[in-house]
Protein backbone atom coordinates (compact mmCIF):
# COMPACT_ATOMS: atom_id res chain seq x y z
CA UNK A 1 -18.10 -8.50 13.87
CA UNK A 2 -16.36 -5.21 13.07
CA UNK A 3 -12.91 -6.80 13.49
CA UNK A 4 -13.83 -9.60 11.08
CA UNK A 5 -15.10 -7.09 8.51
CA UNK A 6 -11.99 -4.95 8.96
CA UNK A 7 -9.73 -8.00 8.60
CA UNK A 8 -11.48 -9.06 5.37
CA UNK A 9 -11.19 -5.53 3.99
CA UNK A 10 -7.48 -5.41 4.84
CA UNK A 11 -6.81 -8.76 3.20
CA UNK A 12 -8.68 -7.66 0.08
CA UNK A 13 -6.84 -4.36 0.03
CA UNK A 14 -3.45 -6.00 0.30
CA UNK A 15 -4.05 -7.88 -2.96
CA UNK A 16 -5.19 -4.76 -4.82
CA UNK A 17 -2.70 -2.35 -3.30
CA UNK A 18 -0.80 0.18 -5.41
CA UNK A 19 2.49 -0.79 -3.73
CA UNK A 20 4.87 -2.43 -6.15
CA UNK A 21 7.95 -4.53 -5.65
CA UNK A 22 8.86 -7.25 -3.21
CA UNK A 23 6.90 -6.16 -0.14
CA UNK A 24 6.01 -8.68 2.55
CA UNK A 25 2.24 -9.27 2.67
CA UNK A 26 2.24 -8.88 6.46
CA UNK A 27 3.89 -5.45 6.20
CA UNK A 28 1.50 -4.40 3.48
CA UNK A 29 -1.44 -5.54 5.59
CA UNK A 30 -0.12 -3.54 8.54
CA UNK A 31 0.22 -0.42 6.37
CA UNK A 32 -3.39 -0.75 5.20
CA UNK A 33 -4.61 -1.44 8.73
CA UNK A 34 -2.76 1.66 9.94
CA UNK A 35 -4.48 3.64 7.15
CA UNK A 36 -7.87 2.33 8.30
CA UNK A 37 -7.16 3.24 11.92
CA UNK A 38 -4.58 5.65 13.29
CA UNK A 39 -3.37 7.43 10.13
CA UNK A 40 -6.84 8.57 9.00
CA UNK A 41 -8.53 8.77 12.40
CA UNK A 42 -10.08 12.24 12.59
CA UNK A 43 -9.02 13.08 9.02
CA UNK A 44 -11.67 15.38 7.50
CA UNK A 45 -9.91 15.61 4.11
CA UNK A 46 -9.00 12.97 1.55
CA UNK A 47 -8.06 9.66 3.18
CA UNK A 48 -4.40 8.60 2.99
CA UNK A 49 -3.57 5.20 1.46
CA UNK A 50 -0.15 3.48 1.49
CA UNK A 51 1.92 3.59 -1.70
CA UNK A 52 5.43 2.69 -0.46
CA UNK A 53 6.98 1.00 2.55
CA UNK A 54 10.36 2.67 2.96
CA UNK A 55 11.61 0.61 5.88
CA UNK A 56 10.53 -1.84 8.55
CA UNK A 57 11.87 -3.65 11.56
CA UNK A 58 10.32 -6.09 13.99
CA UNK A 59 11.28 -6.62 17.62
CA UNK A 60 9.08 -9.19 19.34
CA UNK A 61 5.47 -8.00 19.27
CA UNK A 62 6.37 -4.53 17.93
CA UNK A 63 6.72 -3.74 14.22
CA UNK A 64 7.96 -0.30 13.13
CA UNK A 65 7.31 0.92 9.60
CA UNK A 66 8.09 4.06 7.65
CA UNK A 67 5.33 4.33 5.04
CA UNK A 68 4.61 6.85 2.30
CA UNK A 69 0.90 7.55 1.98
CA UNK A 70 -0.88 9.41 -0.79
CA UNK A 71 -4.32 10.99 -0.99
CA UNK A 72 -7.11 8.76 -2.25
CA UNK A 73 -10.45 9.63 -3.81
CA UNK A 74 -12.26 8.89 -0.52
CA UNK A 75 -13.20 11.36 2.20
CA UNK A 76 -15.81 11.83 4.91
CA UNK A 77 -17.28 14.67 2.82
CA UNK A 78 -17.94 12.17 0.01
CA UNK A 79 -19.74 9.79 2.37
CA UNK A 80 -16.85 7.44 3.13
CA UNK A 81 -15.69 6.24 6.53
CA UNK A 82 -12.64 4.37 7.80
CA UNK A 83 -14.16 1.01 6.82
CA UNK A 84 -13.90 2.17 3.18
CA UNK A 85 -10.12 2.68 3.34
CA UNK A 86 -9.23 -0.01 0.83
CA UNK A 87 -7.81 0.12 -2.70
CA UNK A 88 -11.03 -1.23 -4.20
CA UNK A 89 -13.04 1.47 -2.43
CA UNK A 90 -10.46 4.29 -2.22
CA UNK A 91 -8.15 4.32 -5.24
CA UNK A 92 -5.06 6.53 -5.14
CA UNK A 93 -5.56 10.08 -6.35
CA UNK A 94 -2.56 10.24 -8.70
CA UNK A 95 -0.98 13.66 -8.43
CA UNK A 96 -2.38 14.06 -4.92
CA UNK A 97 -0.39 15.06 -1.87
CA UNK A 98 1.97 12.57 -0.21
CA UNK A 99 2.95 12.20 3.44
CA UNK A 100 5.37 9.93 5.27
CA UNK A 101 4.38 8.35 8.57
CA UNK A 102 6.23 6.33 11.19
CA UNK A 103 3.83 3.56 12.15
CA UNK A 104 4.23 1.40 15.24
CA UNK A 105 2.10 -1.76 15.33
CA UNK A 106 1.98 -3.61 18.63
CA UNK A 107 0.48 -7.10 18.54
CA UNK A 108 -1.97 -7.83 21.34
CA UNK A 109 -4.79 -10.34 21.75
CA UNK A 110 -4.71 -11.53 18.14
CA UNK A 111 -4.76 -8.02 16.65
CA UNK A 112 -2.58 -4.94 16.50
CA UNK A 113 -2.72 -1.53 18.12
CA UNK A 114 -1.38 1.29 15.97
CA UNK A 115 0.38 4.56 16.64
CA UNK A 116 1.19 6.80 13.68
CA UNK A 117 3.24 9.98 13.55
CA UNK A 118 3.61 12.11 10.44
CA UNK A 119 7.31 12.71 9.81
CA UNK A 120 7.20 14.44 6.38
């Protein structure tokens, strides 16, 4: 049930995302899913949301992304959790801090496992 809810949230987020330009919907969905999982896992401050996909490459079941994230209005302190990481629930905090992450999404059993490393 949680995976269905997460998938619906990610799809909804990808349509309302602050990312502009010609970005593949699959890549955008992966960036949002990374935000709702590995990027913000354990984050006690403002949640990070994707604002720019700088690069991507796919090799079989592995997709590598370099994504710029920016602080949103959501945080655990304000009563939000990772299920709320979505543009409709967590709009970008314009003027907030930015961070760049290398995200590795590995497809397995109809979903993806994410590893994220902050690089800037």
